[in-house]
Amino acid sequence: MIFYTFKYTLIREIRDKVFMFLMVIFPIILALIVGTALKSDFETPTLEKSIIAIVDLDKGVYSEALIDIFKEDSVKLLVR
């Protein structure tokens, strides 16, 4: 019973041109428009090197850890 109801409802909806437009073509068109409008938001920005200065007045454990982080090679690509 449920299969026949589903089958005939599907056949009826497929014959309706407005339904086909709204359910198939419109989402594709909308995705293309939104994708084109937001294309620049999906690009990765280029980062320039930044100049930083660290003043270590307390010579504590956490300040040494922070200085060690800035001495790593991966961070040196971003800071001078």
N, C-alpha and C. Protein backbone atom coordinates (compact mmCIF):
# COMPACT_ATOMS: atom_id res chain seq x y z
N MET A 1 0.82 -1.19 0.00
CA MET A 1 0.00 0.00 0.00
C MET A 1 0.87 1.26 0.00
N ILE A 2 1.85 1.30 0.87
CA ILE A 2 2.71 2.47 0.96
C ILE A 2 3.56 2.61 -0.30
N PHE A 3 4.02 1.48 -0.86
CA PHE A 3 4.82 1.51 -2.06
C PHE A 3 4.04 2.11 -3.23
N TYR A 4 2.77 1.71 -3.37
CA TYR A 4 1.96 2.24 -4.47
C TYR A 4 1.71 3.74 -4.30
N THR A 5 1.47 4.16 -3.08
CA THR A 5 1.26 5.58 -2.81
C THR A 5 2.53 6.36 -3.15
N PHE A 6 3.67 5.85 -2.75
CA PHE A 6 4.94 6.50 -3.06
C PHE A 6 5.18 6.55 -4.57
N LYS A 7 4.89 5.43 -5.24
CA LYS A 7 5.13 5.34 -6.68
C LYS A 7 4.28 6.36 -7.45
N TYR A 8 3.00 6.43 -7.16
CA TYR A 8 2.12 7.33 -7.90
C TYR A 8 2.36 8.80 -7.52
N THR A 9 2.73 9.04 -6.28
CA THR A 9 3.08 10.41 -5.89
C THR A 9 4.34 10.85 -6.62
N LEU A 10 5.31 9.98 -6.72
CA LEU A 10 6.54 10.30 -7.44
C LEU A 10 6.27 10.55 -8.92
N ILE A 11 5.45 9.72 -9.54
CA ILE A 11 5.12 9.92 -10.96
C ILE A 11 4.40 11.25 -11.16
N ARG A 12 3.49 11.57 -10.28
CA ARG A 12 2.75 12.83 -10.38
C ARG A 12 3.68 14.04 -10.22
N GLU A 13 4.61 13.95 -9.28
CA GLU A 13 5.51 15.06 -9.05
C GLU A 13 6.52 15.22 -10.18
N ILE A 14 6.95 14.13 -10.78
CA ILE A 14 7.89 14.21 -11.89
C ILE A 14 7.25 14.89 -13.10
N ARG A 15 5.98 14.69 -13.31
CA ARG A 15 5.29 15.31 -14.44
C ARG A 15 5.09 16.82 -14.24
N ASP A 16 5.15 17.26 -13.00
CA ASP A 16 4.95 18.69 -12.71
C ASP A 16 6.26 19.43 -12.98
N LYS A 17 6.26 20.33 -13.95
CA LYS A 17 7.47 21.04 -14.37
C LYS A 17 7.98 22.00 -13.29
N VAL A 18 7.08 22.66 -12.58
CA VAL A 18 7.49 23.59 -11.52
C VAL A 18 8.18 22.83 -10.40
N PHE A 19 7.64 21.67 -10.05
CA PHE A 19 8.27 20.84 -9.03
C PHE A 19 9.68 20.44 -9.44
N MET A 20 9.84 20.01 -10.68
CA MET A 20 11.15 19.61 -11.16
C MET A 20 12.13 20.77 -11.12
N PHE A 21 11.66 21.97 -11.48
CA PHE A 21 12.53 23.13 -11.44
C PHE A 21 12.95 23.45 -10.01
N LEU A 22 11.99 23.45 -9.09
CA LEU A 22 12.30 23.82 -7.71
C LEU A 22 13.14 22.77 -6.99
N MET A 23 12.99 21.52 -7.32
CA MET A 23 13.67 20.46 -6.59
C MET A 23 15.00 20.05 -7.21
N VAL A 24 15.21 20.33 -8.48
CA VAL A 24 16.43 19.87 -9.13
C VAL A 24 17.28 21.03 -9.65
N ILE A 25 16.71 21.84 -10.50
CA ILE A 25 17.48 22.87 -11.21
C ILE A 25 17.78 24.06 -10.29
N PHE A 26 16.82 24.50 -9.52
CA PHE A 26 17.00 25.68 -8.66
C PHE A 26 18.14 25.50 -7.66
N PRO A 27 18.28 24.37 -6.95
CA PRO A 27 19.42 24.23 -6.03
C PRO A 27 20.78 24.27 -6.75
N ILE A 28 20.84 23.74 -7.96
CA ILE A 28 22.09 23.78 -8.71
C ILE A 28 22.43 25.22 -9.07
N ILE A 29 21.44 25.97 -9.56
CA ILE A 29 21.65 27.37 -9.91
C ILE A 29 22.03 28.17 -8.67
N LEU A 30 21.35 27.93 -7.57
CA LEU A 30 21.65 28.64 -6.32
C LEU A 30 23.06 28.33 -5.83
N ALA A 31 23.49 27.08 -5.93
CA ALA A 31 24.85 26.72 -5.51
C ALA A 31 25.89 27.41 -6.38
N LEU A 32 25.64 27.52 -7.67
CA LEU A 32 26.57 28.21 -8.56
C LEU A 32 26.67 29.69 -8.22
N ILE A 33 25.53 30.32 -7.96
CA ILE A 33 25.52 31.75 -7.63
C ILE A 33 26.24 32.01 -6.31
N VAL A 34 25.92 31.23 -5.29
CA VAL A 34 26.55 31.42 -3.98
C VAL A 34 28.04 31.08 -4.05
N GLY A 35 28.40 30.03 -4.78
CA GLY A 35 29.81 29.66 -4.92
C GLY A 35 30.61 30.74 -5.61
N THR A 36 30.02 31.37 -6.62
CA THR A 36 30.71 32.45 -7.32
C THR A 36 30.82 33.68 -6.43
N ALA A 37 29.79 33.98 -5.68
CA ALA A 37 29.80 35.16 -4.81
C ALA A 37 30.80 35.01 -3.66
N LEU A 38 30.99 33.80 -3.17
CA LEU A 38 31.87 33.59 -2.01
C LEU A 38 33.22 32.99 -2.39
N LYS A 39 33.58 33.02 -3.66
CA LYS A 39 34.83 32.40 -4.11
C LYS A 39 36.04 32.99 -3.39
N SER A 40 36.04 34.28 -3.19
CA SER A 40 37.20 34.90 -2.55
C SER A 40 37.32 34.52 -1.07
N ASP A 41 36.24 34.13 -0.44
CA ASP A 41 36.30 33.73 0.97
C ASP A 41 36.94 32.37 1.17
N PHE A 42 36.99 31.54 0.11
CA PHE A 42 37.55 30.20 0.23
C PHE A 42 39.02 30.14 -0.15
N GLU A 43 39.60 31.25 -0.60
CA GLU A 43 41.01 31.28 -0.95
C GLU A 43 41.84 31.51 0.31
N THR A 44 43.01 30.89 0.35
CA THR A 44 43.87 31.07 1.50
C THR A 44 44.64 32.37 1.36
N PRO A 45 44.60 33.21 2.38
CA PRO A 45 45.31 34.48 2.28
C PRO A 45 46.81 34.28 2.46
N THR A 46 47.58 35.16 1.87
CA THR A 46 49.03 35.12 2.07
C THR A 46 49.38 36.00 3.27
N LEU A 47 50.24 35.49 4.09
CA LEU A 47 50.63 36.20 5.30
C LEU A 47 52.02 36.78 5.12
N GLU A 48 52.17 38.03 5.49
CA GLU A 48 53.48 38.66 5.45
C GLU A 48 54.16 38.45 6.80
N LYS A 49 55.49 38.53 6.78
CA LYS A 49 56.22 38.37 8.05
C LYS A 49 55.93 39.56 8.95
N SER A 50 55.76 39.26 10.22
CA SER A 50 55.50 40.30 11.21
C SER A 50 56.71 40.47 12.10
N ILE A 51 56.92 41.68 12.54
CA ILE A 51 57.99 41.97 13.48
C ILE A 51 57.41 41.93 14.88
N ILE A 52 58.02 41.12 15.74
CA ILE A 52 57.55 41.03 17.12
C ILE A 52 58.72 41.30 18.06
N ALA A 53 58.39 41.72 19.25
CA ALA A 53 59.39 41.94 20.29
C ALA A 53 58.87 41.32 21.58
N ILE A 54 59.72 40.58 22.25
CA ILE A 54 59.35 39.95 23.51
C ILE A 54 60.26 40.50 24.60
N VAL A 55 59.66 41.03 25.63
CA VAL A 55 60.41 41.53 26.77
C VAL A 55 60.18 40.55 27.92
N ASP A 56 61.23 39.86 28.33
CA ASP A 56 61.14 38.85 29.38
C ASP A 56 61.70 39.42 30.67
N LEU A 57 60.83 39.94 31.51
CA LEU A 57 61.27 40.57 32.76
C LEU A 57 61.34 39.58 33.92
N ASP A 58 60.52 38.54 33.91
CA ASP A 58 60.49 37.65 35.07
C ASP A 58 61.34 36.39 34.89
N LYS A 59 61.77 36.07 33.70
CA LYS A 59 62.60 34.89 33.41
C LYS A 59 61.96 33.62 33.94
N GLY A 60 60.63 33.54 33.81
CA GLY A 60 59.90 32.40 34.33
C GLY A 60 59.83 31.25 33.34
N VAL A 61 59.18 30.19 33.78
CA VAL A 61 59.05 28.97 32.98
C VAL A 61 58.17 29.23 31.76
N TYR A 62 57.08 29.95 31.96
CA TYR A 62 56.15 30.20 30.86
C TYR A 62 56.74 31.15 29.82
N SER A 63 57.50 32.12 30.26
CA SER A 63 58.12 33.03 29.30
C SER A 63 59.19 32.31 28.49
N GLU A 64 59.93 31.39 29.11
CA GLU A 64 60.91 30.61 28.38
C GLU A 64 60.23 29.71 27.35
N ALA A 65 59.08 29.14 27.72
CA ALA A 65 58.34 28.30 26.78
C ALA A 65 57.84 29.11 25.59
N LEU A 66 57.41 30.33 25.85
CA LEU A 66 56.94 31.20 24.77
C LEU A 66 58.10 31.58 23.84
N ILE A 67 59.22 31.87 24.39
CA ILE A 67 60.40 32.21 23.58
C ILE A 67 60.84 31.00 22.76
N ASP A 68 60.77 29.81 23.34
CA ASP A 68 61.11 28.59 22.59
C ASP A 68 60.17 28.37 21.42
N ILE A 69 58.90 28.70 21.61
CA ILE A 69 57.94 28.57 20.51
C ILE A 69 58.32 29.48 19.36
N PHE A 70 58.71 30.70 19.65
CA PHE A 70 59.07 31.64 18.60
C PHE A 70 60.41 31.31 17.95
N LYS A 71 61.21 30.44 18.54
CA LYS A 71 62.47 30.02 17.95
C LYS A 71 62.31 28.84 16.99
N GLU A 72 61.12 28.24 16.94
CA GLU A 72 60.90 27.10 16.04
C GLU A 72 60.91 27.54 14.59
N ASP A 73 61.30 26.62 13.71
CA ASP A 73 61.41 26.94 12.28
C ASP A 73 60.07 27.28 11.64
N SER A 74 59.02 26.61 12.07
CA SER A 74 57.71 26.88 11.47
C SER A 74 57.21 28.28 11.82
N VAL A 75 57.57 28.79 12.98
CA VAL A 75 57.15 30.12 13.38
C VAL A 75 58.04 31.17 12.74
N LYS A 76 59.30 30.82 12.49
CA LYS A 76 60.22 31.78 11.88
C LYS A 76 59.78 32.17 10.46
N LEU A 77 58.97 31.34 9.84
CA LEU A 77 58.45 31.69 8.52
C LEU A 77 57.49 32.87 8.59
N LEU A 78 56.89 33.09 9.75
CA LEU A 78 55.88 34.13 9.90
C LEU A 78 56.36 35.38 10.62
N VAL A 79 57.41 35.25 11.42
CA VAL A 79 57.87 36.39 12.21
C VAL A 79 59.35 36.65 11.97
N ARG A 80 59.74 37.88 12.22
CA ARG A 80 61.15 38.24 12.14
C ARG A 80 61.68 38.51 13.53
